[in-house]
């Protein structure tokens, strides 16, 4: 489909940014765990990834919206799992399954928001 590689590039670029941030050793990263801001940050970052995955998958395959959202959430959440595993090798960082849960919820919110916003953006009225 037209434009699919561009959208995959955006999603991959955002994933690369997540990887770069996850590579920062824990002692050099600001402590964001006050009042669980860490989970909110995870949710927000993965909401963007979920939306970008939704757009890329939508441009690649013709699927029902519910399948597009599901595929986007699965893709972003699997990336979140791999990110947590990556952090286990970074000094001062650790694996946190609640981070993966925040990633999953964020990707669901982001992909659902993209699904709702896209038809509104395409409406010619």
N, C-alpha and C. Protein backbone atom coordinates (compact mmCIF):
# COMPACT_ATOMS: atom_id res chain seq x y z
N UNK A 1 0.84 -1.18 0.00
CA UNK A 1 0.00 0.00 0.00
C UNK A 1 0.89 1.25 0.00
N UNK A 2 0.34 2.32 -0.47
CA UNK A 2 1.08 3.57 -0.61
C UNK A 2 1.42 4.15 0.77
N UNK A 3 2.67 4.52 0.95
CA UNK A 3 3.07 5.19 2.19
C UNK A 3 3.42 4.28 3.35
N UNK A 4 3.25 2.98 3.22
CA UNK A 4 3.50 2.08 4.33
C UNK A 4 4.94 2.16 4.84
N UNK A 5 5.95 2.15 3.96
CA UNK A 5 7.33 2.22 4.47
C UNK A 5 7.61 3.46 5.31
N UNK A 6 7.00 4.58 4.93
CA UNK A 6 7.19 5.81 5.70
C UNK A 6 6.66 5.64 7.12
N UNK A 7 5.49 5.05 7.26
CA UNK A 7 4.91 4.87 8.59
C UNK A 7 5.70 3.87 9.42
N UNK A 8 6.22 2.83 8.77
CA UNK A 8 7.08 1.87 9.49
C UNK A 8 8.36 2.56 9.94
N UNK A 9 8.86 3.49 9.14
CA UNK A 9 10.07 4.24 9.51
C UNK A 9 9.80 5.09 10.75
N UNK A 10 8.64 5.72 10.82
CA UNK A 10 8.29 6.50 12.01
C UNK A 10 8.22 5.61 13.25
N UNK A 11 7.55 4.46 13.12
CA UNK A 11 7.44 3.53 14.25
C UNK A 11 8.81 3.01 14.68
N UNK A 12 9.64 2.66 13.70
CA UNK A 12 10.99 2.16 14.01
C UNK A 12 11.84 3.26 14.65
N UNK A 13 11.68 4.48 14.18
CA UNK A 13 12.43 5.60 14.76
C UNK A 13 12.05 5.84 16.22
N UNK A 14 10.76 5.76 16.50
CA UNK A 14 10.30 5.93 17.88
C UNK A 14 10.80 4.78 18.75
N UNK A 15 10.77 3.55 18.21
CA UNK A 15 11.29 2.39 18.94
C UNK A 15 12.79 2.56 19.20
N UNK A 16 13.52 3.12 18.25
CA UNK A 16 14.95 3.36 18.44
C UNK A 16 15.19 4.39 19.55
N UNK A 17 14.33 5.40 19.62
CA UNK A 17 14.45 6.38 20.70
C UNK A 17 14.21 5.71 22.05
N UNK A 18 13.20 4.85 22.13
CA UNK A 18 12.94 4.10 23.37
C UNK A 18 14.17 3.27 23.74
N UNK A 19 14.76 2.59 22.75
CA UNK A 19 15.94 1.77 23.00
C UNK A 19 17.09 2.64 23.53
N UNK A 20 17.29 3.80 22.92
CA UNK A 20 18.37 4.69 23.36
C UNK A 20 18.16 5.14 24.80
N UNK A 21 16.92 5.51 25.14
CA UNK A 21 16.63 5.94 26.51
C UNK A 21 16.79 4.79 27.49
N UNK A 22 16.46 3.59 27.07
CA UNK A 22 16.59 2.41 27.93
C UNK A 22 18.04 2.02 28.13
N UNK A 23 18.93 2.53 27.30
CA UNK A 23 20.34 2.19 27.39
C UNK A 23 21.10 3.09 28.36
N UNK A 24 20.43 4.13 28.86
CA UNK A 24 21.07 5.02 29.82
C UNK A 24 21.16 4.30 31.17
N UNK A 25 22.37 4.20 31.73
CA UNK A 25 22.50 3.54 33.04
C UNK A 25 21.62 4.20 34.10
N UNK A 26 21.14 3.40 35.03
CA UNK A 26 20.20 3.88 36.04
C UNK A 26 20.69 5.05 36.85
N UNK A 27 21.96 5.08 37.20
CA UNK A 27 22.48 6.18 38.03
C UNK A 27 22.53 7.50 37.27
N UNK A 28 22.48 7.46 35.94
CA UNK A 28 22.52 8.68 35.14
C UNK A 28 21.13 9.13 34.69
N UNK A 29 20.14 8.33 35.01
CA UNK A 29 18.77 8.63 34.60
C UNK A 29 18.03 9.26 35.77
N UNK A 30 17.26 10.33 35.55
CA UNK A 30 16.55 10.95 36.67
C UNK A 30 15.54 9.99 37.29
N UNK A 31 15.38 10.08 38.59
CA UNK A 31 14.44 9.23 39.30
C UNK A 31 13.03 9.77 39.09
N UNK A 32 12.21 9.00 38.32
CA UNK A 32 10.85 9.43 38.00
C UNK A 32 9.81 8.59 38.73
N UNK A 33 10.21 7.85 39.74
CA UNK A 33 9.29 6.94 40.40
C UNK A 33 8.43 7.61 41.47
N UNK A 34 8.62 8.89 41.69
CA UNK A 34 7.82 9.61 42.66
C UNK A 34 6.37 9.61 42.19
N UNK A 35 5.49 9.14 43.04
CA UNK A 35 4.06 9.08 42.75
C UNK A 35 3.75 8.31 41.46
N UNK A 36 4.57 7.32 41.14
CA UNK A 36 4.37 6.45 39.98
C UNK A 36 4.41 7.18 38.65
N UNK A 37 5.12 8.31 38.57
CA UNK A 37 5.27 9.00 37.29
C UNK A 37 5.97 8.12 36.27
N UNK A 38 6.78 7.19 36.76
CA UNK A 38 7.47 6.26 35.87
C UNK A 38 6.47 5.48 35.02
N UNK A 39 5.39 5.02 35.62
CA UNK A 39 4.38 4.25 34.87
C UNK A 39 3.62 5.15 33.90
N UNK A 40 3.35 6.38 34.30
CA UNK A 40 2.68 7.33 33.41
C UNK A 40 3.57 7.63 32.22
N UNK A 41 4.87 7.79 32.48
CA UNK A 41 5.82 8.03 31.40
C UNK A 41 5.86 6.84 30.44
N UNK A 42 5.91 5.63 30.98
CA UNK A 42 5.87 4.43 30.13
C UNK A 42 4.60 4.42 29.29
N UNK A 43 3.46 4.69 29.92
CA UNK A 43 2.20 4.70 29.19
C UNK A 43 2.19 5.72 28.06
N UNK A 44 2.70 6.90 28.33
CA UNK A 44 2.73 7.94 27.30
C UNK A 44 3.65 7.60 26.14
N UNK A 45 4.82 7.10 26.45
CA UNK A 45 5.78 6.75 25.41
C UNK A 45 5.23 5.62 24.54
N UNK A 46 4.60 4.64 25.17
CA UNK A 46 4.06 3.52 24.41
C UNK A 46 2.72 3.85 23.75
N UNK A 47 2.04 4.88 24.21
CA UNK A 47 0.84 5.35 23.49
C UNK A 47 1.26 5.86 22.11
N UNK A 48 2.37 6.59 22.06
CA UNK A 48 2.88 7.07 20.77
C UNK A 48 3.27 5.88 19.90
N UNK A 49 3.98 4.91 20.48
CA UNK A 49 4.38 3.73 19.71
C UNK A 49 3.15 2.97 19.22
N UNK A 50 2.14 2.82 20.06
CA UNK A 50 0.91 2.14 19.65
C UNK A 50 0.22 2.84 18.50
N UNK A 51 0.17 4.17 18.56
CA UNK A 51 -0.46 4.94 17.47
C UNK A 51 0.34 4.80 16.18
N UNK A 52 1.66 4.87 16.28
CA UNK A 52 2.50 4.72 15.08
C UNK A 52 2.40 3.31 14.50
N UNK A 53 2.33 2.31 15.36
CA UNK A 53 2.14 0.93 14.88
C UNK A 53 0.79 0.79 14.20
N UNK A 54 -0.23 1.39 14.79
CA UNK A 54 -1.57 1.35 14.19
C UNK A 54 -1.54 1.92 12.77
N UNK A 55 -0.92 3.08 12.62
CA UNK A 55 -0.85 3.72 11.31
C UNK A 55 -0.07 2.88 10.31
N UNK A 56 1.05 2.31 10.75
CA UNK A 56 1.87 1.49 9.86
C UNK A 56 1.15 0.21 9.46
N UNK A 57 0.53 -0.44 10.41
CA UNK A 57 -0.20 -1.69 10.11
C UNK A 57 -1.38 -1.39 9.21
N UNK A 58 -2.06 -0.29 9.47
CA UNK A 58 -3.22 0.10 8.64
C UNK A 58 -2.80 0.35 7.20
N UNK A 59 -1.62 0.94 7.01
CA UNK A 59 -1.14 1.20 5.65
C UNK A 59 -0.61 -0.06 4.97
N UNK A 60 -0.32 -1.10 5.76
CA UNK A 60 0.26 -2.32 5.22
C UNK A 60 -0.79 -3.37 4.88
N UNK A 61 -1.76 -3.56 5.78
CA UNK A 61 -2.77 -4.59 5.59
C UNK A 61 -4.17 -4.00 5.71
N UNK A 62 -5.10 -4.56 4.97
CA UNK A 62 -6.51 -4.17 5.06
C UNK A 62 -7.19 -5.07 6.09
N UNK A 63 -7.31 -4.56 7.29
CA UNK A 63 -7.92 -5.31 8.38
C UNK A 63 -9.01 -4.47 9.02
N UNK A 64 -9.91 -5.14 9.72
CA UNK A 64 -10.91 -4.42 10.49
C UNK A 64 -10.21 -3.61 11.57
N UNK A 65 -10.83 -2.54 11.99
CA UNK A 65 -10.22 -1.65 12.98
C UNK A 65 -9.86 -2.38 14.27
N UNK A 66 -10.72 -3.27 14.71
CA UNK A 66 -10.42 -4.01 15.95
C UNK A 66 -9.16 -4.86 15.80
N UNK A 67 -8.96 -5.45 14.63
CA UNK A 67 -7.76 -6.24 14.38
C UNK A 67 -6.53 -5.35 14.29
N UNK A 68 -6.70 -4.18 13.69
CA UNK A 68 -5.58 -3.22 13.62
C UNK A 68 -5.14 -2.80 15.02
N UNK A 69 -6.11 -2.50 15.86
CA UNK A 69 -5.79 -2.11 17.24
C UNK A 69 -5.12 -3.27 17.96
N UNK A 70 -5.68 -4.46 17.83
CA UNK A 70 -5.09 -5.63 18.49
C UNK A 70 -3.67 -5.90 18.03
N UNK A 71 -3.44 -5.84 16.73
CA UNK A 71 -2.09 -6.08 16.20
C UNK A 71 -1.13 -5.00 16.69
N UNK A 72 -1.59 -3.76 16.77
CA UNK A 72 -0.75 -2.66 17.24
C UNK A 72 -0.37 -2.84 18.70
N UNK A 73 -1.34 -3.24 19.51
CA UNK A 73 -1.08 -3.46 20.93
C UNK A 73 -0.11 -4.63 21.11
N UNK A 74 -0.30 -5.70 20.37
CA UNK A 74 0.61 -6.85 20.47
C UNK A 74 2.02 -6.45 20.07
N UNK A 75 2.15 -5.74 18.95
CA UNK A 75 3.48 -5.33 18.48
C UNK A 75 4.18 -4.43 19.49
N UNK A 76 3.47 -3.41 19.98
CA UNK A 76 4.09 -2.48 20.92
C UNK A 76 4.39 -3.14 22.26
N UNK A 77 3.51 -4.02 22.71
CA UNK A 77 3.74 -4.71 23.99
C UNK A 77 4.91 -5.67 23.88
N UNK A 78 5.01 -6.38 22.77
CA UNK A 78 6.17 -7.27 22.59
C UNK A 78 7.46 -6.46 22.57
N UNK A 79 7.42 -5.28 21.98
CA UNK A 79 8.59 -4.42 22.02
C UNK A 79 8.87 -3.99 23.46
N UNK A 80 7.81 -3.72 24.23
CA UNK A 80 7.99 -3.37 25.64
C UNK A 80 8.64 -4.50 26.43
N UNK A 81 8.25 -5.74 26.15
CA UNK A 81 8.88 -6.89 26.81
C UNK A 81 10.35 -6.96 26.43
N UNK A 82 10.65 -6.79 25.14
CA UNK A 82 12.05 -6.84 24.71
C UNK A 82 12.85 -5.68 25.33
N UNK A 83 12.20 -4.54 25.52
CA UNK A 83 12.87 -3.41 26.14
C UNK A 83 13.20 -3.70 27.60
N UNK A 84 12.30 -4.33 28.30
CA UNK A 84 12.58 -4.70 29.68
C UNK A 84 13.73 -5.71 29.76
N UNK A 85 13.75 -6.67 28.85
CA UNK A 85 14.86 -7.63 28.82
C UNK A 85 16.17 -6.90 28.52
N UNK A 86 16.13 -5.95 27.60
CA UNK A 86 17.31 -5.15 27.28
C UNK A 86 17.81 -4.42 28.52
N UNK A 87 16.89 -3.87 29.30
CA UNK A 87 17.28 -3.13 30.50
C UNK A 87 17.95 -4.01 31.54
N UNK A 88 17.70 -5.30 31.49
CA UNK A 88 18.34 -6.19 32.47
C UNK A 88 19.86 -6.25 32.26
N UNK A 89 20.33 -5.81 31.10
CA UNK A 89 21.76 -5.79 30.81
C UNK A 89 22.38 -4.40 31.01
N UNK A 90 21.56 -3.42 31.36
CA UNK A 90 22.05 -2.05 31.54
C UNK A 90 22.30 -1.82 33.03
N UNK A 91 23.51 -1.37 33.40
CA UNK A 91 23.82 -1.14 34.82
C UNK A 91 22.82 -0.19 35.48
N UNK A 92 22.33 -0.58 36.64
CA UNK A 92 21.41 0.25 37.39
C UNK A 92 19.97 0.20 36.93
N UNK A 93 19.69 -0.62 35.92
CA UNK A 93 18.32 -0.77 35.42
C UNK A 93 17.85 -2.19 35.75
N UNK A 94 16.55 -2.37 35.78
CA UNK A 94 16.02 -3.70 36.12
C UNK A 94 14.74 -3.97 35.33
N UNK A 95 14.34 -5.22 35.37
CA UNK A 95 13.11 -5.65 34.71
C UNK A 95 11.94 -5.38 35.66
N UNK A 96 10.88 -4.79 35.13
CA UNK A 96 9.69 -4.50 35.93
C UNK A 96 8.47 -4.85 35.09
N UNK A 97 7.77 -5.88 35.48
CA UNK A 97 6.60 -6.31 34.71
C UNK A 97 5.46 -5.28 34.78
N UNK A 98 5.48 -4.43 35.81
CA UNK A 98 4.47 -3.35 35.85
C UNK A 98 4.77 -2.30 34.78
N UNK A 99 6.04 -2.17 34.41
CA UNK A 99 6.37 -1.30 33.27
C UNK A 99 5.76 -1.87 31.99
N UNK A 100 5.84 -3.19 31.83
CA UNK A 100 5.24 -3.83 30.65
C UNK A 100 3.73 -3.63 30.65
N UNK A 101 3.11 -3.73 31.81
CA UNK A 101 1.66 -3.48 31.90
C UNK A 101 1.34 -2.03 31.50
N UNK A 102 2.14 -1.08 31.97
CA UNK A 102 1.94 0.32 31.59
C UNK A 102 2.16 0.50 30.09
N UNK A 103 3.16 -0.20 29.54
CA UNK A 103 3.41 -0.15 28.09
C UNK A 103 2.20 -0.67 27.32
N UNK A 104 1.64 -1.77 27.78
CA UNK A 104 0.49 -2.39 27.12
C UNK A 104 -0.73 -1.46 27.16
N UNK A 105 -1.00 -0.91 28.33
CA UNK A 105 -2.14 0.00 28.47
C UNK A 105 -1.93 1.25 27.61
N UNK A 106 -0.72 1.78 27.62
CA UNK A 106 -0.41 2.95 26.81
C UNK A 106 -0.58 2.67 25.33
N UNK A 107 -0.11 1.50 24.88
CA UNK A 107 -0.24 1.17 23.45
C UNK A 107 -1.70 0.98 23.06
N UNK A 108 -2.52 0.46 23.98
CA UNK A 108 -3.95 0.34 23.70
C UNK A 108 -4.60 1.71 23.58
N UNK A 109 -4.26 2.60 24.48
CA UNK A 109 -4.81 3.96 24.43
C UNK A 109 -4.37 4.67 23.15
N UNK A 110 -3.09 4.56 22.81
CA UNK A 110 -2.57 5.23 21.62
C UNK A 110 -3.15 4.69 20.33
N UNK A 111 -3.24 3.38 20.22
CA UNK A 111 -3.77 2.80 18.98
C UNK A 111 -5.28 3.07 18.87
N UNK A 112 -6.00 3.03 19.99
CA UNK A 112 -7.43 3.35 19.95
C UNK A 112 -7.65 4.83 19.61
N UNK A 113 -6.82 5.69 20.15
CA UNK A 113 -6.93 7.12 19.82
C UNK A 113 -6.65 7.36 18.34
N UNK A 114 -5.66 6.67 17.79
CA UNK A 114 -5.38 6.80 16.36
C UNK A 114 -6.55 6.30 15.53
N UNK A 115 -7.16 5.22 15.98
CA UNK A 115 -8.31 4.65 15.25
C UNK A 115 -9.49 5.62 15.25
N UNK A 116 -9.67 6.33 16.35
CA UNK A 116 -10.77 7.29 16.45
C UNK A 116 -10.43 8.57 15.69
N UNK A 117 -9.21 9.04 15.81
CA UNK A 117 -8.82 10.31 15.20
C UNK A 117 -8.68 10.22 13.69
N UNK A 118 -8.27 9.08 13.19
CA UNK A 118 -8.03 8.96 11.74
C UNK A 118 -9.27 9.21 10.90
N UNK A 119 -10.41 8.59 11.23
CA UNK A 119 -11.61 8.90 10.42
C UNK A 119 -12.03 10.37 10.55
N UNK A 120 -11.80 10.97 11.72
CA UNK A 120 -12.13 12.38 11.89
C UNK A 120 -11.24 13.26 11.00
N UNK A 121 -9.97 12.89 10.89
CA UNK A 121 -9.03 13.65 10.06
C UNK A 121 -9.35 13.49 8.57
N UNK A 122 -9.90 12.35 8.19
CA UNK A 122 -10.20 12.08 6.78
C UNK A 122 -11.59 12.57 6.37
N UNK A 123 -12.41 12.99 7.32
CA UNK A 123 -13.77 13.46 7.03
C UNK A 123 -13.69 14.77 6.23
N UNK A 124 -14.27 14.82 5.03
CA UNK A 124 -14.14 16.02 4.19
C UNK A 124 -14.99 17.20 4.63
N UNK A 125 -15.84 17.02 5.63
CA UNK A 125 -16.71 18.12 6.06
C UNK A 125 -15.96 19.20 6.69
